[in-house]
Protein backbone atom coordinates (compact mmCIF):
# COMPACT_ATOMS: atom_id res chain seq x y z
CA MET A 1 -0.27 -0.22 -0.20
CA ASN A 2 1.31 3.66 -0.69
CA ASP A 3 0.14 6.94 0.59
CA PHE A 4 -3.04 7.03 -1.64
CA ASP A 5 -4.34 3.79 -0.36
CA PHE A 6 -3.49 4.72 3.23
CA MET A 7 -5.40 8.47 2.62
CA GLN A 8 -8.34 6.62 1.04
CA ALA A 9 -8.46 4.40 4.35
CA ALA A 10 -8.87 7.69 6.34
CA LEU A 11 -11.33 9.42 3.86
CA ALA A 12 -13.32 6.21 4.69
CA GLU A 13 -13.05 7.11 8.35
CA ALA A 14 -14.32 10.87 7.22
CA ALA A 15 -17.26 9.57 5.61
CA LEU A 16 -18.19 7.63 9.20
CA ALA A 17 -18.04 10.78 10.83
CA ALA A 18 -20.03 12.52 7.91
CA ALA A 19 -22.80 9.99 8.47
CA GLN A 20 -22.79 10.51 12.23
CA GLY A 21 -23.29 14.26 12.03
CA GLU A 22 -19.74 15.21 12.57
CA VAL A 23 -17.58 17.44 10.56
CA PRO A 24 -15.97 14.93 8.04
CA VAL A 25 -12.08 14.11 9.01
CA GLY A 26 -10.54 10.79 9.58
CA ALA A 27 -7.24 9.37 10.19
CA VAL A 28 -5.43 6.21 10.15
CA ILE A 29 -2.02 5.31 11.90
CA VAL A 30 0.48 3.15 10.02
CA GLN A 31 3.48 0.70 11.03
CA ASN A 32 5.47 -0.89 8.71
CA GLY A 33 3.13 -0.55 5.88
CA GLN A 34 0.34 -1.80 8.05
CA ILE A 35 -2.90 0.35 9.55
CA ILE A 36 -2.64 0.06 13.26
CA ALA A 37 -5.39 2.61 14.40
CA ARG A 38 -8.26 4.45 12.87
CA GLY A 39 -10.00 7.15 14.07
CA HIS A 40 -12.82 9.94 13.02
CA ASN A 41 -14.00 13.17 14.30
CA GLN A 42 -16.29 12.30 17.23
CA PRO A 43 -16.58 15.61 19.66
CA ILE A 44 -20.02 16.32 19.37
CA GLY A 45 -21.50 12.52 19.89
CA THR A 46 -18.78 12.08 23.03
CA ASN A 47 -19.44 15.70 24.39
CA ASP A 48 -15.52 15.66 24.22
CA PRO A 49 -13.75 18.65 22.51
CA SER A 50 -10.22 16.65 22.00
CA ALA A 51 -12.30 13.89 19.92
CA HIS A 52 -10.69 14.60 16.62
CA ALA A 53 -9.55 12.30 14.45
CA GLU A 54 -6.16 12.37 15.12
CA MET A 55 -6.32 12.13 18.77
CA LEU A 56 -8.38 9.03 18.93
CA ALA A 57 -6.09 7.61 16.27
CA ILE A 58 -3.00 8.11 18.36
CA ARG A 59 -4.67 6.90 21.62
CA ALA A 60 -5.96 3.59 19.38
CA ALA A 61 -2.11 3.12 18.40
CA ALA A 62 -0.71 3.82 21.54
CA GLN A 63 -3.04 1.10 23.10
CA ALA A 64 -2.22 -1.56 20.48
CA LEU A 65 1.51 -0.68 20.89
CA GLY A 66 1.30 -0.51 24.49
CA ASN A 67 3.47 2.38 24.36
CA TYR A 68 2.94 6.38 24.28
CA ARG A 69 5.75 6.74 21.95
CA LEU A 70 4.83 6.15 18.12
CA ALA A 71 8.42 7.07 16.86
CA ASP A 72 8.19 4.52 13.89
CA CYS A 73 4.55 5.52 12.70
CA GLU A 74 3.23 7.59 10.15
CA LEU A 75 -0.43 9.30 10.53
CA TYR A 76 -2.71 10.13 7.54
CA ILE A 77 -5.19 12.48 8.16
CA THR A 78 -7.58 14.13 5.78
CA LEU A 79 -7.59 17.59 7.31
CA GLU A 80 -4.38 19.66 8.28
CA PRO A 81 -4.13 18.97 11.92
CA CYS A 82 -5.07 21.78 14.59
CA ILE A 83 -2.84 23.03 17.46
CA MET A 84 -4.14 20.81 19.70
CA CYS A 85 -3.44 17.85 17.56
CA ALA A 86 -0.28 19.02 16.39
CA GLY A 87 0.96 19.17 20.13
CA ALA A 88 -0.13 15.32 20.40
CA ILE A 89 1.88 14.55 17.35
CA LEU A 90 4.99 15.77 18.54
CA HIS A 91 4.51 14.22 22.12
CA SER A 92 3.78 11.05 20.78
CA ARG A 93 6.95 11.26 18.51
CA ILE A 94 4.93 10.38 15.12
CA LYS A 95 7.69 10.35 12.54
CA ARG A 96 5.56 11.59 9.66
CA VAL A 97 2.27 13.01 9.05
CA VAL A 98 0.62 13.52 5.43
CA TYR A 99 -2.83 15.64 5.47
CA ALA A 100 -5.05 15.91 2.59
CA SER A 101 -6.57 19.04 2.91
CA PRO A 102 -5.47 22.26 4.31
CA ASP A 103 -7.27 24.76 7.04
CA ALA A 104 -7.12 28.04 6.34
CA LYS A 105 -8.68 28.94 9.91
CA THR A 106 -7.04 26.69 12.26
CA GLY A 107 -4.51 24.87 10.20
CA ALA A 108 -1.13 24.11 12.54
CA ALA A 109 1.08 22.72 9.95
CA GLY A 110 1.77 25.86 7.89
CA SER A 111 -1.75 27.19 7.26
CA VAL A 112 -1.89 29.63 10.24
CA ILE A 113 1.03 28.46 12.70
CA ASN A 114 3.62 25.75 12.34
CA PRO A 115 5.10 24.08 15.33
CA PHE A 116 6.71 21.27 13.21
CA ALA A 117 8.85 24.08 11.96
CA ASN A 118 10.45 25.14 15.40
CA SER A 119 13.96 24.25 15.66
CA GLN A 120 13.89 24.51 19.40
CA LEU A 121 11.78 21.26 19.51
CA ASN A 122 13.51 18.14 20.43
CA HIS A 123 11.39 16.07 18.06
CA HIS A 124 11.07 17.32 14.38
CA THR A 125 7.83 15.35 12.66
CA GLN A 126 8.17 15.29 8.73
CA ILE A 127 5.00 17.00 7.13
CA GLU A 128 3.34 16.18 3.27
CA SER A 129 0.45 17.32 2.26
CA GLY A 130 -1.98 17.32 -0.80
CA VAL A 131 -2.58 13.26 -1.17
CA CYS A 132 -6.51 13.35 -2.23
CA ALA A 133 -6.79 16.85 -1.33
CA HIS A 134 -9.61 17.39 -3.58
CA GLU A 135 -11.38 14.45 -2.34
CA ALA A 136 -11.00 15.74 0.98
CA GLY A 137 -11.88 19.29 0.41
CA THR A 138 -15.37 18.10 -1.49
CA MET A 139 -16.27 16.00 1.37
CA LEU A 140 -15.84 18.88 4.04
CA SER A 141 -17.60 21.64 1.32
CA ASP A 142 -20.90 19.37 0.81
CA PHE A 143 -21.13 18.68 4.39
CA PHE A 144 -21.17 22.24 5.17
CA ALA A 145 -23.33 23.03 2.14
CA GLN A 146 -25.89 20.45 3.43
CA ARG A 147 -25.59 21.62 6.99
CA ARG A 148 -26.41 25.34 6.19
CA VAL A 149 -29.43 24.22 4.30
CA ALA A 150 -30.42 22.30 7.56
CA LYS A 151 -30.08 25.50 9.65
CA LYS A 152 -31.71 27.78 7.14
CA SER A 153 -34.26 26.30 4.43
CA ILE A 154 -35.51 28.70 1.58
CA ILE A 155 -38.60 26.57 0.93
CA LYS A 156 -41.22 26.52 3.63
CA PRO A 157 -42.87 23.01 3.85
CA LEU A 158 -46.61 22.32 3.06
CA GLN A 159 -48.53 20.81 5.46
CA ILE A 160 -49.99 17.77 4.32
CA ASN A 161 -50.29 14.59 6.85
CA ASP A 162 -47.44 11.73 5.89
CA LEU A 163 -46.00 13.80 3.20
CA SER A 164 -42.38 15.14 4.68
CA ASN A 165 -41.03 16.11 1.48
CA LEU A 166 -43.65 18.10 -0.33
CA ARG A 167 -42.78 21.88 -1.45
CA ASP A 168 -43.90 24.58 -3.53
CA LEU A 169 -41.06 25.71 -5.95
CA GLY A 170 -42.61 28.99 -5.94
CA GLY A 171 -40.89 31.94 -4.57
CA LEU A 172 -37.42 30.98 -6.02
CA LYS A 173 -35.48 34.05 -7.52
CA THR A 174 -34.09 33.58 -10.68
CA THR A 175 -30.87 35.63 -11.92
CA ASP A 176 -32.55 38.43 -13.54
CA GLY A 177 -35.03 39.39 -10.32
CA LEU A 178 -37.72 37.34 -11.43
CA ARG A 179 -39.57 34.66 -9.12
CA ILE A 180 -41.48 31.54 -9.64
CA LYS A 181 -45.12 31.73 -8.95
CA SER A 182 -46.30 30.08 -6.12
CA GLY A 183 -48.83 26.99 -6.45
CA MET A 184 -47.86 26.42 -9.62
CA VAL A 185 -45.13 23.37 -9.33
CA TYR A 186 -44.98 21.26 -6.56
CA ARG A 187 -42.69 18.46 -5.76
CA SER A 188 -42.80 15.48 -3.37
CA GLU A 189 -42.68 11.56 -2.56
CA GLN A 190 -45.24 9.23 -3.56
CA TRP A 191 -48.81 9.84 -2.41
CA TYR A 192 -49.63 6.23 -1.82
CA GLY A 193 -51.65 5.48 1.28
CA LEU A 194 -53.06 9.53 2.14
CA ASP A 195 -55.60 9.08 4.78
CA GLN A 196 -59.01 10.96 4.53
CA PRO A 197 -57.63 14.21 5.85
CA SER A 198 -54.65 14.17 3.83
CA LEU A 199 -56.56 13.66 0.60
CA LEU A 200 -58.55 16.47 1.53
CA GLN A 201 -55.78 18.49 2.00
CA ALA A 202 -54.25 17.23 -1.13
CA THR A 203 -57.63 18.53 -3.21
CA ALA A 204 -56.86 21.98 -1.94
CA LEU A 205 -53.89 22.47 -4.25
CA LYS A 206 -56.19 22.12 -6.97
CA LEU A 207 -53.63 20.17 -9.04
CA ARG A 208 -54.59 19.52 -13.04
CA SER A 209 -51.60 16.97 -13.52
CA VAL A 210 -49.44 14.65 -11.55
CA TRP A 211 -45.92 13.32 -13.33
CA ASP A 212 -45.05 10.26 -11.64
CA PHE A 213 -41.53 8.99 -12.46
CA ARG A 214 -41.51 5.91 -10.77
CA SER A 215 -41.00 2.36 -12.32
CA TYR A 216 -43.72 -0.02 -13.15
CA GLY A 217 -43.26 -2.12 -10.23
CA GLU A 218 -43.25 1.12 -7.69
CA GLN A 219 -46.35 2.17 -9.35
CA GLN A 220 -48.58 -1.02 -9.43
CA ARG A 221 -47.55 -1.50 -5.83
CA HIS A 222 -48.27 1.77 -4.27
CA PRO A 223 -50.46 3.73 -6.76
CA ASP A 224 -51.19 7.59 -6.72
CA PRO A 225 -54.93 8.34 -5.45
CA ASP A 226 -57.41 9.55 -8.12
CA LEU A 227 -58.00 12.87 -7.15
CA PRO A 228 -60.72 14.50 -8.86
CA GLY A 229 -59.94 16.73 -11.77
CA VAL A 230 -56.55 15.32 -12.05
CA GLU A 231 -55.00 14.01 -14.89
CA ASN A 232 -52.13 11.57 -13.64
CA HIS A 233 -49.08 10.86 -16.12
CA TRP A 234 -46.75 7.67 -15.43
CA VAL A 235 -43.32 8.02 -16.91
CA ASP A 236 -41.11 5.61 -15.80
CA VAL A 237 -37.50 7.16 -15.93
CA LEU A 238 -35.59 3.84 -15.45
CA ALA A 239 -38.26 1.77 -17.71
CA GLU A 240 -35.35 -0.01 -19.54
CA GLY A 241 -32.67 -0.03 -16.97
CA PHE A 242 -29.12 0.53 -17.13
CA ALA A 243 -25.60 -0.34 -14.97
CA GLY A 244 -25.85 0.44 -11.61
CA VAL A 245 -29.35 0.81 -11.20
CA GLY A 246 -30.52 -2.63 -10.99
CA VAL A 247 -29.99 -2.93 -6.99
CA GLU A 248 -31.47 0.92 -6.63
CA GLN A 249 -34.73 -0.45 -8.41
CA SER A 250 -34.52 -3.58 -5.69
CA ILE A 251 -34.46 -1.57 -3.04
CA ALA A 252 -37.23 0.54 -3.91
CA PHE A 253 -39.31 -2.38 -4.60
CA ASN A 254 -38.32 -4.30 -1.39
CA LEU A 255 -37.16 -1.55 1.18
CA VAL A 256 -38.26 -3.02 4.37
CA GLN A 257 -36.81 -6.57 3.20
CA TRP A 258 -33.80 -4.78 2.64
CA LEU A 259 -33.89 -3.19 5.57
CA GLU A 260 -34.00 -6.59 7.59
CA GLN A 261 -31.33 -7.95 6.01
CA PRO A 262 -28.48 -6.21 6.89
CA GLU A 263 -26.05 -8.78 5.79
CA LEU A 264 -27.34 -8.93 2.46
CA MET A 265 -27.24 -4.91 2.19
CA GLN A 266 -23.59 -5.03 2.99
CA GLN A 267 -22.60 -7.73 0.68
CA HIS A 268 -24.17 -5.93 -2.01
CA LEU A 269 -23.60 -1.86 -0.85
CA GLY A 270 -20.91 -1.93 1.32
CA ASN A 271 -17.64 -0.73 0.89
CA GLY A 272 -18.67 2.21 -0.95
CA GLN A 273 -20.66 0.66 -3.57
CA ALA A 274 -23.80 2.35 -2.48
CA HIS A 275 -21.96 5.61 -2.59
CA ASP A 276 -20.83 4.49 -6.34
CA MET A 277 -24.44 3.28 -6.93
CA MET A 278 -26.01 6.46 -6.64
CA LEU A 279 -23.12 8.54 -8.47
CA THR A 280 -23.99 5.83 -11.42
CA LEU A 281 -27.51 6.73 -11.11
CA TYR A 282 -27.54 10.38 -11.45
CA ARG A 283 -24.95 10.10 -14.37
CA ALA A 284 -27.43 7.70 -15.81
CA LEU A 285 -30.39 10.03 -15.48
CA VAL A 286 -28.37 12.46 -17.74
CA ALA A 287 -26.71 10.19 -20.32
CA ASN A 288 -29.61 7.27 -20.42
CA PRO A 289 -31.51 7.62 -23.67
CA THR A 290 -34.38 6.37 -22.07
CA SER A 291 -34.18 9.18 -19.11
CA GLN A 292 -33.67 11.79 -21.90
CA ARG A 293 -36.87 10.87 -23.53
CA VAL A 294 -38.68 10.77 -20.48
CA TYR A 295 -37.51 14.24 -19.06
CA SER A 296 -38.16 15.49 -22.61
CA ARG A 297 -41.40 14.40 -22.97
CA TRP A 298 -42.19 15.98 -19.53
CA LEU A 299 -40.82 19.52 -20.45
CA ASN A 300 -42.19 19.45 -23.80
CA SER A 301 -45.91 18.66 -22.42
CA VAL A 302 -45.49 21.77 -19.39
CA CYS A 303 -45.15 24.15 -21.68
CA SER A 304 -48.68 24.53 -22.05
CA GLY A 305 -50.76 26.01 -19.17
CA GLU A 306 -53.31 23.46 -19.20
CA GLN A 307 -50.79 21.09 -16.83
CA TYR A 308 -50.71 23.93 -13.81
CA PRO A 309 -50.94 23.71 -10.98
CA MET A 310 -48.43 20.60 -11.29
CA LEU A 311 -47.01 17.92 -9.11
CA ILE A 312 -43.54 15.98 -9.88
CA HIS A 313 -43.01 12.99 -7.82
CA CYS A 314 -41.16 9.74 -7.55
CA THR A 315 -41.39 7.45 -4.18
CA ALA A 316 -38.97 9.60 -2.12
CA GLY A 317 -38.99 12.91 -4.24
CA LYS A 318 -35.42 13.20 -3.78
CA ASP A 319 -33.30 11.90 -6.70
CA ARG A 320 -35.82 11.19 -9.91
CA THR A 321 -37.94 14.11 -8.73
CA GLY A 322 -34.69 16.23 -7.84
CA TRP A 323 -33.33 16.01 -11.31
CA ALA A 324 -36.46 16.95 -12.92
CA ALA A 325 -36.78 20.19 -10.75
CA VAL A 326 -32.90 20.56 -11.27
CA LEU A 327 -34.11 20.62 -15.37
CA LEU A 328 -36.97 22.99 -14.84
CA LEU A 329 -35.41 25.50 -12.59
CA SER A 330 -32.24 25.82 -14.82
CA ILE A 331 -34.38 26.43 -17.83
CA LEU A 332 -36.27 29.26 -15.67
CA GLY A 333 -32.93 31.14 -14.63
CA VAL A 334 -32.49 30.19 -11.21
CA PRO A 335 -28.89 30.31 -10.02
CA HIS A 336 -27.10 27.17 -9.28
CA GLU A 337 -26.70 27.98 -5.46
CA THR A 338 -30.57 28.15 -5.24
CA ILE A 339 -31.04 24.77 -6.97
CA LEU A 340 -28.53 23.23 -5.00
CA ARG A 341 -30.19 24.54 -1.57
CA ASP A 342 -33.85 23.24 -3.05
CA TYR A 343 -31.85 20.01 -3.86
CA LEU A 344 -30.58 19.69 -0.66
CA ALA A 345 -33.73 20.21 1.00
CA SER A 346 -35.02 17.29 0.63
CA HIS A 347 -32.14 15.04 3.23
CA ASP A 348 -33.28 15.81 6.49
CA LYS A 349 -36.96 15.51 5.45
CA ILE A 350 -36.30 12.09 4.15
CA ILE A 351 -33.76 10.77 6.88
CA SER A 352 -36.63 11.88 9.20
CA LYS A 353 -39.40 9.67 7.49
CA TYR A 354 -37.26 6.59 7.12
CA GLN A 355 -35.78 7.18 10.59
CA PRO A 356 -38.03 4.29 12.40
CA LEU A 357 -36.81 1.62 9.72
CA ILE A 358 -33.34 3.08 9.73
CA ASP A 359 -33.24 2.63 13.36
CA ARG A 360 -34.41 -0.82 13.06
CA CYS A 361 -31.96 -1.80 10.57
CA LEU A 362 -29.04 -0.24 12.89
CA ALA A 363 -30.22 -2.45 15.65
CA ALA A 364 -30.12 -5.47 13.58
CA GLY A 365 -26.41 -5.06 12.59
CA GLY A 366 -26.67 -2.40 9.50
CA ASP A 367 -23.94 -0.07 8.39
CA ILE A 368 -24.84 4.03 9.16
CA THR A 369 -23.16 4.66 6.28
CA ILE A 370 -25.01 2.88 3.63
CA LEU A 371 -28.12 3.82 5.03
CA HIS A 372 -27.19 7.64 4.49
CA ASP A 373 -25.95 6.86 1.12
CA ILE A 374 -28.91 5.27 0.14
CA PHE A 375 -31.65 7.76 1.65
CA GLY A 376 -29.45 10.56 1.77
CA VAL A 377 -29.01 13.61 -0.66
CA LYS A 378 -25.75 14.76 -1.20
CA ALA A 379 -24.04 17.47 -3.19
CA GLN A 380 -21.94 14.89 -4.63
CA TYR A 381 -24.59 13.15 -6.52
CA LEU A 382 -25.89 16.42 -8.14
CA LYS A 383 -22.59 17.30 -9.11
CA ALA A 384 -22.02 13.87 -10.92
CA ALA A 385 -25.06 14.65 -12.53
CA LEU A 386 -23.89 18.10 -13.70
CA HIS A 387 -20.40 16.72 -14.67
CA GLU A 388 -22.43 14.34 -16.89
CA VAL A 389 -24.07 17.28 -18.46
CA LYS A 390 -20.84 18.95 -19.40
CA LYS A 391 -19.65 15.55 -21.10
CA GLN A 392 -22.74 15.40 -22.91
CA ALA A 393 -23.14 18.99 -24.14
CA GLY A 394 -20.56 21.12 -22.59
CA SER A 395 -23.27 22.94 -20.77
CA MET A 396 -26.76 22.62 -19.26
CA PRO A 397 -28.18 25.23 -21.71
CA ARG A 398 -26.92 23.28 -24.71
CA TYR A 399 -28.00 19.61 -23.13
CA ILE A 400 -31.33 21.17 -22.58
CA THR A 401 -31.71 22.38 -26.38
CA GLN A 402 -29.79 19.87 -28.17
CA VAL A 403 -30.03 16.79 -26.00
CA LEU A 404 -33.27 16.75 -24.72
CA GLY A 405 -34.84 19.19 -27.72
CA ILE A 406 -36.61 21.84 -25.76
CA THR A 407 -36.23 24.53 -28.08
CA GLU A 408 -35.63 28.46 -26.98
CA PRO A 409 -39.59 29.20 -27.89
CA GLN A 410 -40.66 26.12 -25.64
CA GLN A 411 -38.39 27.42 -22.78
CA GLN A 412 -39.63 30.91 -22.96
CA ALA A 413 -43.17 29.69 -22.80
CA LEU A 414 -42.26 27.93 -19.76
CA ARG A 415 -40.89 31.14 -18.25
CA GLU A 416 -44.15 32.84 -19.23
CA GLN A 417 -46.17 30.34 -17.57
CA LEU A 418 -44.18 30.21 -14.33
CA LEU A 419 -42.29 33.44 -13.76
CA ILE A 420 -43.20 36.77 -12.52
CA THR A 421 -41.78 40.02 -11.34
CA GLU A 422 -40.52 40.96 -7.88
CA LEU A 423 -42.92 43.88 -7.59
CA ASN A 424 -46.10 41.41 -8.12
CA HIS A 425 -44.68 38.73 -5.96
CA HIS A 426 -46.93 37.91 -3.03
């Protein structure tokens, strides 16, 4: 194994921290080419300000070796150590530290201060940086982006019983100062099983069309309710399937069974497979011809004012529906930062809705990282889709026009249907 391999192990620890709501920093300690200790940030969960990834890894290594000196050991850490951790590194006599991403605010290996460069100290640790820097930095930026959304959601949720991920896209502002009309486009999870009071609340939305992006199996098992005056459109984004989505469909079809069999889930989705599967799904939503035809048909149809008010949804309302919302908001001229905030707004809602199932799976031995990869909404997923857009067409406007075939007059018709000036917004 080399520096890259050991840093990948540290990044896996960082992912565990993120899954627990901690800042995603991970560390491993290596002796003679073997990992002897691991650690990830846990100050929040342990109520311990010293429970940084490096500190936990150093403690574990000292216990493993039966020695508080780690003179022949190397530390791999995803973020530049702080002054506290730098002190522990020096006291433990670690011979070499490799960190991935610099910390411009509290970094104590050169970014802010550098005790390692002090010639008066009687121990000198070799410091290196930059291995997997982009990956570590992206993990941190994604985490803080999601946390900002959790603290300040720009979308006020609608109150319909049993629907946690329902919201109105109205009110979002475009780059040229216009806003999306309220009460025109809603996005949601599936509506199967709503009780009578919920159906009455749903009727109050006065929907005229529902676009269901679920598969045939999902739709048959959990059909949408028949609401008065509503035209239902079933458009299966995954109709012909594609690489990496087979397992995703199985989870959608047999969610409870999967959650009750954590060993099977670990076999198919462990060791980063769930995360990779989700990245594959998002790339395929952009590149797969079936998906392109479905989203093209939907966007062509909704140029007509007869479709509104409209609901778009899939099972959880986060992936297939999330990408549909990204396409529509892009056409309307909503800036990327706002689109990302709307996309990430589904994360806490979905985790909360499925928390009882998640807890049951964890009690049976399930892996929290897998569960958050499946149920969660991550900026990395959307970035994978947007990167695929660039590969396909070079830019989102070109993708919408050239790949999906939505002409500029059609896009202008959508803007005229859905946008109002700031002065007329209520």
